[in-house]
PDB file of N, CA and C in Angstrom:
ATOM      1  N   MET A   1       6.802 -89.681 -46.791  1.00  0.00           N
ATOM      2  CA  MET A   1       7.652 -88.496 -46.761  1.00  0.00           C
ATOM      3  C   MET A   1       6.890 -87.299 -46.238  1.00  0.00           C
ATOM      4  N   LEU A   2       5.608 -87.221 -46.479  1.00  0.00           N
ATOM      5  CA  LEU A   2       4.797 -86.087 -46.060  1.00  0.00           C
ATOM      6  C   LEU A   2       4.580 -86.078 -44.544  1.00  0.00           C
ATOM      7  N   LYS A   3       4.466 -87.231 -43.934  1.00  0.00           N
ATOM      8  CA  LYS A   3       4.215 -87.328 -42.497  1.00  0.00           C
ATOM      9  C   LYS A   3       5.346 -86.725 -41.663  1.00  0.00           C
ATOM     10  N   PRO A   4       6.619 -87.041 -41.927  1.00  0.00           N
ATOM     11  CA  PRO A   4       7.693 -86.425 -41.132  1.00  0.00           C
ATOM     12  C   PRO A   4       7.739 -84.907 -41.278  1.00  0.00           C
ATOM     13  N   LEU A   5       7.404 -84.389 -42.428  1.00  0.00           N
ATOM     14  CA  LEU A   5       7.393 -82.953 -42.639  1.00  0.00           C
ATOM     15  C   LEU A   5       6.286 -82.287 -41.816  1.00  0.00           C
ATOM     16  N   GLN A   6       5.119 -82.908 -41.745  1.00  0.00           N
ATOM     17  CA  GLN A   6       4.015 -82.376 -40.931  1.00  0.00           C
ATOM     18  C   GLN A   6       4.361 -82.442 -39.452  1.00  0.00           C
ATOM     19  N   ASP A   7       5.024 -83.536 -39.051  1.00  0.00           N
ATOM     20  CA  ASP A   7       5.449 -83.652 -37.655  1.00  0.00           C
ATOM     21  C   ASP A   7       6.456 -82.555 -37.294  1.00  0.00           C
ATOM     22  N   LEU A   8       7.356 -82.284 -38.216  1.00  0.00           N
ATOM     23  CA  LEU A   8       8.351 -81.244 -37.989  1.00  0.00           C
ATOM     24  C   LEU A   8       7.689 -79.871 -37.890  1.00  0.00           C
ATOM     25  N   LYS A   9       6.721 -79.595 -38.767  1.00  0.00           N
ATOM     26  CA  LYS A   9       6.012 -78.319 -38.725  1.00  0.00           C
ATOM     27  C   LYS A   9       5.253 -78.154 -37.414  1.00  0.00           C
ATOM     28  N   SER A  10       4.590 -79.203 -36.968  1.00  0.00           N
ATOM     29  CA  SER A  10       3.835 -79.097 -35.704  1.00  0.00           C
ATOM     30  C   SER A  10       4.778 -78.928 -34.522  1.00  0.00           C
ATOM     31  N   LEU A  11       5.915 -79.604 -34.573  1.00  0.00           N
ATOM     32  CA  LEU A  11       6.908 -79.453 -33.500  1.00  0.00           C
ATOM     33  C   LEU A  11       7.457 -78.028 -33.477  1.00  0.00           C
ATOM     34  N   ILE A  12       7.764 -77.480 -34.640  1.00  0.00           N
ATOM     35  CA  ILE A  12       8.268 -76.106 -34.725  1.00  0.00           C
ATOM     36  C   ILE A  12       7.224 -75.123 -34.216  1.00  0.00           C
ATOM     37  N   LYS A  13       5.964 -75.316 -34.597  1.00  0.00           N
ATOM     38  CA  LYS A  13       4.888 -74.431 -34.137  1.00  0.00           C
ATOM     39  C   LYS A  13       4.747 -74.482 -32.626  1.00  0.00           C
ATOM     40  N   THR A  14       4.820 -75.688 -32.072  1.00  0.00           N
ATOM     41  CA  THR A  14       4.700 -75.853 -30.619  1.00  0.00           C
ATOM     42  C   THR A  14       5.850 -75.153 -29.898  1.00  0.00           C
ATOM     43  N   LYS A  15       7.070 -75.389 -30.372  1.00  0.00           N
ATOM     44  CA  LYS A  15       8.249 -74.770 -29.747  1.00  0.00           C
ATOM     45  C   LYS A  15       8.215 -73.243 -29.898  1.00  0.00           C
ATOM     46  N   LEU A  16       7.804 -72.767 -31.068  1.00  0.00           N
ATOM     47  CA  LEU A  16       7.727 -71.334 -31.309  1.00  0.00           C
ATOM     48  C   LEU A  16       6.676 -70.683 -30.411  1.00  0.00           C
ATOM     49  N   ALA A  17       5.524 -71.317 -30.267  1.00  0.00           N
ATOM     50  CA  ALA A  17       4.472 -70.791 -29.396  1.00  0.00           C
ATOM     51  C   ALA A  17       4.963 -70.725 -27.950  1.00  0.00           C
ATOM     52  N   HIS A  18       5.689 -71.757 -27.527  1.00  0.00           N
ATOM     53  CA  HIS A  18       6.232 -71.759 -26.167  1.00  0.00           C
ATOM     54  C   HIS A  18       7.253 -70.632 -25.985  1.00  0.00           C
ATOM     55  N   SER A  19       8.113 -70.448 -26.977  1.00  0.00           N
ATOM     56  CA  SER A  19       9.128 -69.383 -26.900  1.00  0.00           C
ATOM     57  C   SER A  19       8.476 -68.004 -26.886  1.00  0.00           C
ATOM     58  N   GLN A  20       7.455 -67.805 -27.716  1.00  0.00           N
ATOM     59  CA  GLN A  20       6.751 -66.523 -27.738  1.00  0.00           C
ATOM     60  C   GLN A  20       6.081 -66.254 -26.395  1.00  0.00           C
ATOM     61  N   SER A  21       5.498 -67.291 -25.806  1.00  0.00           N
ATOM     62  CA  SER A  21       4.862 -67.140 -24.504  1.00  0.00           C
ATOM     63  C   SER A  21       5.887 -66.781 -23.429  1.00  0.00           C
ATOM     64  N   LEU A  22       7.024 -67.439 -23.493  1.00  0.00           N
ATOM     65  CA  LEU A  22       8.100 -67.180 -22.526  1.00  0.00           C
ATOM     66  C   LEU A  22       8.626 -65.761 -22.653  1.00  0.00           C
ATOM     67  N   VAL A  23       8.848 -65.309 -23.883  1.00  0.00           N
ATOM     68  CA  VAL A  23       9.330 -63.947 -24.115  1.00  0.00           C
ATOM     69  C   VAL A  23       8.286 -62.935 -23.650  1.00  0.00           C
ATOM     70  N   GLY A  24       7.030 -63.182 -23.937  1.00  0.00           N
ATOM     71  CA  GLY A  24       5.958 -62.284 -23.505  1.00  0.00           C
ATOM     72  C   GLY A  24       5.870 -62.200 -21.988  1.00  0.00           C
ATOM     73  N   THR A  25       6.001 -63.342 -21.333  1.00  0.00           N
ATOM     74  CA  THR A  25       5.963 -63.374 -19.866  1.00  0.00           C
ATOM     75  C   THR A  25       7.147 -62.611 -19.288  1.00  0.00           C
ATOM     76  N   ASN A  26       8.337 -62.848 -19.829  1.00  0.00           N
ATOM     77  CA  ASN A  26       9.527 -62.142 -19.344  1.00  0.00           C
ATOM     78  C   ASN A  26       9.418 -60.640 -19.581  1.00  0.00           C
ATOM     79  N   ASN A  27       8.866 -60.262 -20.725  1.00  0.00           N
ATOM     80  CA  ASN A  27       8.697 -58.845 -21.036  1.00  0.00           C
ATOM     81  C   ASN A  27       7.738 -58.190 -20.045  1.00  0.00           C
ATOM     82  N   ALA A  28       6.639 -58.866 -19.754  1.00  0.00           N
ATOM     83  CA  ALA A  28       5.681 -58.336 -18.789  1.00  0.00           C
ATOM     84  C   ALA A  28       6.301 -58.229 -17.395  1.00  0.00           C
ATOM     85  N   ALA A  29       7.102 -59.214 -17.027  1.00  0.00           N
ATOM     86  CA  ALA A  29       7.768 -59.189 -15.717  1.00  0.00           C
ATOM     87  C   ALA A  29       8.752 -58.030 -15.623  1.00  0.00           C
ATOM     88  N   MET A  30       9.505 -57.788 -16.681  1.00  0.00           N
ATOM     89  CA  MET A  30      10.464 -56.687 -16.669  1.00  0.00           C
ATOM     90  C   MET A  30       9.759 -55.335 -16.610  1.00  0.00           C
ATOM     91  N   LYS A  31       8.623 -55.205 -17.271  1.00  0.00           N
ATOM     92  CA  LYS A  31       7.854 -53.963 -17.182  1.00  0.00           C
ATOM     93  C   LYS A  31       7.361 -53.747 -15.753  1.00  0.00           C
ATOM     94  N   MET A  32       6.936 -54.809 -15.091  1.00  0.00           N
ATOM     95  CA  MET A  32       6.470 -54.710 -13.709  1.00  0.00           C
ATOM     96  C   MET A  32       7.620 -54.306 -12.786  1.00  0.00           C
ATOM     97  N   VAL A  33       8.783 -54.891 -12.978  1.00  0.00           N
ATOM     98  CA  VAL A  33       9.953 -54.548 -12.161  1.00  0.00           C
ATOM     99  C   VAL A  33      10.329 -53.079 -12.375  1.00  0.00           C
ATOM    100  N   ALA A  34      10.305 -52.620 -13.618  1.00  0.00           N
ATOM    101  CA  ALA A  34      10.634 -51.224 -13.908  1.00  0.00           C
ATOM    102  C   ALA A  34       9.644 -50.281 -13.246  1.00  0.00           C
ATOM    103  N   ARG A  35       8.364 -50.637 -13.246  1.00  0.00           N
ATOM    104  CA  ARG A  35       7.336 -49.798 -12.610  1.00  0.00           C
ATOM    105  C   ARG A  35       7.569 -49.725 -11.104  1.00  0.00           C
ATOM    106  N   ILE A  36       7.868 -50.849 -10.487  1.00  0.00           N
ATOM    107  CA  ILE A  36       8.107 -50.884  -9.037  1.00  0.00           C
ATOM    108  C   ILE A  36       9.346 -50.066  -8.686  1.00  0.00           C
ATOM    109  N   VAL A  37      10.395 -50.172  -9.482  1.00  0.00           N
ATOM    110  CA  VAL A  37      11.622 -49.402  -9.228  1.00  0.00           C
ATOM    111  C   VAL A  37      11.325 -47.908  -9.319  1.00  0.00           C
ATOM    112  N   ARG A  38      10.548 -47.491 -10.333  1.00  0.00           N
ATOM    113  CA  ARG A  38      10.189 -46.066 -10.457  1.00  0.00           C
ATOM    114  C   ARG A  38       9.395 -45.590  -9.253  1.00  0.00           C
ATOM    115  N   GLU A  39       8.429 -46.393  -8.796  1.00  0.00           N
ATOM    116  CA  GLU A  39       7.616 -46.005  -7.639  1.00  0.00           C
ATOM    117  C   GLU A  39       8.472 -45.873  -6.394  1.00  0.00           C
ATOM    118  N   ARG A  40       9.364 -46.821  -6.172  1.00  0.00           N
ATOM    119  CA  ARG A  40      10.212 -46.767  -4.976  1.00  0.00           C
ATOM    120  C   ARG A  40      11.199 -45.613  -5.046  1.00  0.00           C
ATOM    121  N   ALA A  41      11.672 -45.288  -6.226  1.00  0.00           N
ATOM    122  CA  ALA A  41      12.600 -44.161  -6.373  1.00  0.00           C
ATOM    123  C   ALA A  41      11.892 -42.862  -6.014  1.00  0.00           C
ATOM    124  N   GLU A  42      10.634 -42.723  -6.395  1.00  0.00           N
ATOM    125  CA  GLU A  42       9.877 -41.516  -6.055  1.00  0.00           C
ATOM    126  C   GLU A  42       9.626 -41.431  -4.560  1.00  0.00           C
ATOM    127  N   GLU A  43       9.393 -42.573  -3.912  1.00  0.00           N
ATOM    128  CA  GLU A  43       9.146 -42.583  -2.474  1.00  0.00           C
ATOM    129  C   GLU A  43      10.386 -42.178  -1.688  1.00  0.00           C
ATOM    130  N   THR A  44      11.553 -42.619  -2.114  1.00  0.00           N
ATOM    131  CA  THR A  44      12.766 -42.363  -1.342  1.00  0.00           C
ATOM    132  C   THR A  44      13.243 -40.925  -1.460  1.00  0.00           C
ATOM    133  N   LYS A  45      12.771 -40.175  -2.422  1.00  0.00           N
ATOM    134  CA  LYS A  45      13.194 -38.786  -2.545  1.00  0.00           C
ATOM    135  C   LYS A  45      12.767 -37.975  -1.331  1.00  0.00           C
ATOM    136  N   PHE A  46      11.689 -38.363  -0.690  1.00  0.00           N
ATOM    137  CA  PHE A  46      11.184 -37.615   0.460  1.00  0.00           C
ATOM    138  C   PHE A  46      11.833 -38.054   1.766  1.00  0.00           C
ATOM    139  N   ASP A  47      12.519 -39.190   1.751  1.00  0.00           N
ATOM    140  CA  ASP A  47      13.107 -39.718   2.977  1.00  0.00           C
ATOM    141  C   ASP A  47      14.531 -39.225   3.215  1.00  0.00           C
ATOM    142  N   GLU A  48      15.090 -38.496   2.287  1.00  0.00           N
ATOM    143  CA  GLU A  48      16.466 -38.038   2.430  1.00  0.00           C
ATOM    144  C   GLU A  48      16.558 -36.959   3.509  1.00  0.00           C
ATOM    145  N   GLU A  49      17.629 -37.050   4.299  1.00  0.00           N
ATOM    146  CA  GLU A  49      17.857 -36.011   5.294  1.00  0.00           C
ATOM    147  C   GLU A  49      18.429 -34.778   4.608  1.00  0.00           C
ATOM    148  N   ILE A  50      17.992 -33.622   5.042  1.00  0.00           N
ATOM    149  CA  ILE A  50      18.439 -32.367   4.440  1.00  0.00           C
ATOM    150  C   ILE A  50      19.383 -31.680   5.409  1.00  0.00           C
ATOM    151  N   ASP A  51      20.550 -31.328   4.925  1.00  0.00           N
ATOM    152  CA  ASP A  51      21.527 -30.594   5.720  1.00  0.00           C
ATOM    153  C   ASP A  51      21.076 -29.135   5.788  1.00  0.00           C
ATOM    154  N   PRO A  52      20.895 -28.582   6.985  1.00  0.00           N
ATOM    155  CA  PRO A  52      20.409 -27.201   7.096  1.00  0.00           C
ATOM    156  C   PRO A  52      21.274 -26.182   6.373  1.00  0.00           C
ATOM    157  N   GLU A  53      22.579 -26.445   6.293  1.00  0.00           N
ATOM    158  CA  GLU A  53      23.447 -25.509   5.590  1.00  0.00           C
ATOM    159  C   GLU A  53      23.203 -25.540   4.085  1.00  0.00           C
ATOM    160  N   MET A  54      22.782 -26.677   3.560  1.00  0.00           N
ATOM    161  CA  MET A  54      22.533 -26.796   2.128  1.00  0.00           C
ATOM    162  C   MET A  54      21.241 -26.073   1.721  1.00  0.00           C
ATOM    163  N   ILE A  55      20.342 -25.857   2.666  1.00  0.00           N
ATOM    164  CA  ILE A  55      19.100 -25.154   2.361  1.00  0.00           C
ATOM    165  C   ILE A  55      19.415 -23.745   1.862  1.00  0.00           C
ATOM    166  N   TRP A  56      20.438 -23.139   2.433  1.00  0.00           N
ATOM    167  CA  TRP A  56      20.753 -21.746   2.107  1.00  0.00           C
ATOM    168  C   TRP A  56      21.686 -21.618   0.912  1.00  0.00           C
ATOM    169  N   GLY A  57      22.205 -22.707   0.417  1.00  0.00           N
ATOM    170  CA  GLY A  57      23.165 -22.649  -0.680  1.00  0.00           C
ATOM    171  C   GLY A  57      22.563 -22.133  -1.977  1.00  0.00           C
ATOM    172  N   ASN A  58      23.280 -21.251  -2.637  1.00  0.00           N
ATOM    173  CA  ASN A  58      22.925 -20.723  -3.961  1.00  0.00           C
ATOM    174  C   ASN A  58      21.572 -20.011  -3.999  1.00  0.00           C
ATOM    175  N   LEU A  59      21.198 -19.360  -2.925  1.00  0.00           N
ATOM    176  CA  LEU A  59      19.926 -18.638  -2.926  1.00  0.00           C
ATOM    177  C   LEU A  59      20.097 -17.164  -3.257  1.00  0.00           C
ATOM    178  N   GLY A  60      21.326 -16.696  -3.303  1.00  0.00           N
ATOM    179  CA  GLY A  60      21.545 -15.303  -3.656  1.00  0.00           C
ATOM    180  C   GLY A  60      21.866 -14.459  -2.440  1.00  0.00           C
ATOM    181  N   ILE A  61      21.508 -13.166  -2.510  1.00  0.00           N
ATOM    182  CA  ILE A  61      21.842 -12.207  -1.456  1.00  0.00           C
ATOM    183  C   ILE A  61      21.218 -12.639  -0.134  1.00  0.00           C
ATOM    184  N   GLY A  62      22.023 -12.655   0.895  1.00  0.00           N
ATOM    185  CA  GLY A  62      21.545 -12.991   2.235  1.00  0.00           C
ATOM    186  C   GLY A  62      21.691 -14.459   2.580  1.00  0.00           C
ATOM    187  N   SER A  63      21.858 -15.311   1.595  1.00  0.00           N
ATOM    188  CA  SER A  63      21.957 -16.738   1.896  1.00  0.00           C
ATOM    189  C   SER A  63      23.242 -17.063   2.649  1.00  0.00           C
ATOM    190  N   ASP A  64      24.315 -16.356   2.337  1.00  0.00           N
ATOM    191  CA  ASP A  64      25.567 -16.595   3.044  1.00  0.00           C
ATOM    192  C   ASP A  64      25.463 -16.173   4.501  1.00  0.00           C
ATOM    193  N   VAL A  65      24.710 -15.098   4.759  1.00  0.00           N
ATOM    194  CA  VAL A  65      24.498 -14.640   6.141  1.00  0.00           C
ATOM    195  C   VAL A  65      23.675 -15.669   6.907  1.00  0.00           C
ATOM    196  N   ALA A  66      22.637 -16.187   6.280  1.00  0.00           N
ATOM    197  CA  ALA A  66      21.793 -17.186   6.935  1.00  0.00           C
ATOM    198  C   ALA A  66      22.590 -18.447   7.242  1.00  0.00           C
ATOM    199  N   ALA A  67      23.440 -18.893   6.315  1.00  0.00           N
ATOM    200  CA  ALA A  67      24.266 -20.076   6.548  1.00  0.00           C
ATOM    201  C   ALA A  67      25.247 -19.828   7.682  1.00  0.00           C
ATOM    202  N   ALA A  68      25.814 -18.625   7.761  1.00  0.00           N
ATOM    203  CA  ALA A  68      26.742 -18.304   8.841  1.00  0.00           C
ATOM    204  C   ALA A  68      26.027 -18.321  10.191  1.00  0.00           C
ATOM    205  N   LEU A  69      24.791 -17.844  10.230  1.00  0.00           N
ATOM    206  CA  LEU A  69      24.018 -17.880  11.476  1.00  0.00           C
ATOM    207  C   LEU A  69      23.755 -19.307  11.922  1.00  0.00           C
ATOM    208  N   VAL A  70      23.475 -20.183  10.994  1.00  0.00           N
ATOM    209  CA  VAL A  70      23.242 -21.584  11.341  1.00  0.00           C
ATOM    210  C   VAL A  70      24.510 -22.186  11.924  1.00  0.00           C
ATOM    211  N   ARG A  71      25.665 -21.928  11.302  1.00  0.00           N
ATOM    212  CA  ARG A  71      26.925 -22.456  11.815  1.00  0.00           C
ATOM    213  C   ARG A  71      27.243 -21.884  13.191  1.00  0.00           C
ATOM    214  N   LYS A  72      26.983 -20.586  13.378  1.00  0.00           N
ATOM    215  CA  LYS A  72      27.266 -19.937  14.678  1.00  0.00           C
ATOM    216  C   LYS A  72      26.399 -20.559  15.771  1.00  0.00           C
ATOM    217  N   LYS A  73      25.155 -20.817  15.445  1.00  0.00           N
ATOM    218  CA  LYS A  73      24.232 -21.416  16.418  1.00  0.00           C
ATOM    219  C   LYS A  73      24.709 -22.822  16.798  1.00  0.00           C
ATOM    220  N   ARG A  74      25.195 -23.568  15.815  1.00  0.00           N
ATOM    221  CA  ARG A  74      25.677 -24.931  16.096  1.00  0.00           C
ATOM    222  C   ARG A  74      26.890 -24.910  17.011  1.00  0.00           C
ATOM    223  N   LYS A  75      27.762 -23.914  16.838  1.00  0.00           N
ATOM    224  CA  LYS A  75      28.963 -23.820  17.668  1.00  0.00           C
ATOM    225  C   LYS A  75      28.579 -23.539  19.118  1.00  0.00           C
ATOM    226  N   ARG A  76      27.524 -22.744  19.328  1.00  0.00           N
ATOM    227  CA  ARG A  76      27.104 -22.412  20.695  1.00  0.00           C
ATOM    228  C   ARG A  76      26.499 -23.616  21.394  1.00  0.00           C
ATOM    229  N   ASP A  77      25.857 -24.483  20.640  1.00  0.00           N
ATOM    230  CA  ASP A  77      25.176 -25.655  21.241  1.00  0.00           C
ATOM    231  C   ASP A  77      26.117 -26.750  21.516  1.00  0.00           C
TER     232      ASP A  77
END
């Protein structure tokens, strides 16, 4: 009776160790993916095209005049 119980305990330990290893590996992989996504998100912020009219938006006094000059220049070209 003692032998089957020891076999069961060793089987459970083996399966549990494998599951813990699998969870640890998956956790490490997800952390790596999250780090790569953060790095790429920071890189793409500089690649966005900027609309010249948006540069002057919400800057206060004179910004509306500057935006109008940009639009006027575009109409002439």
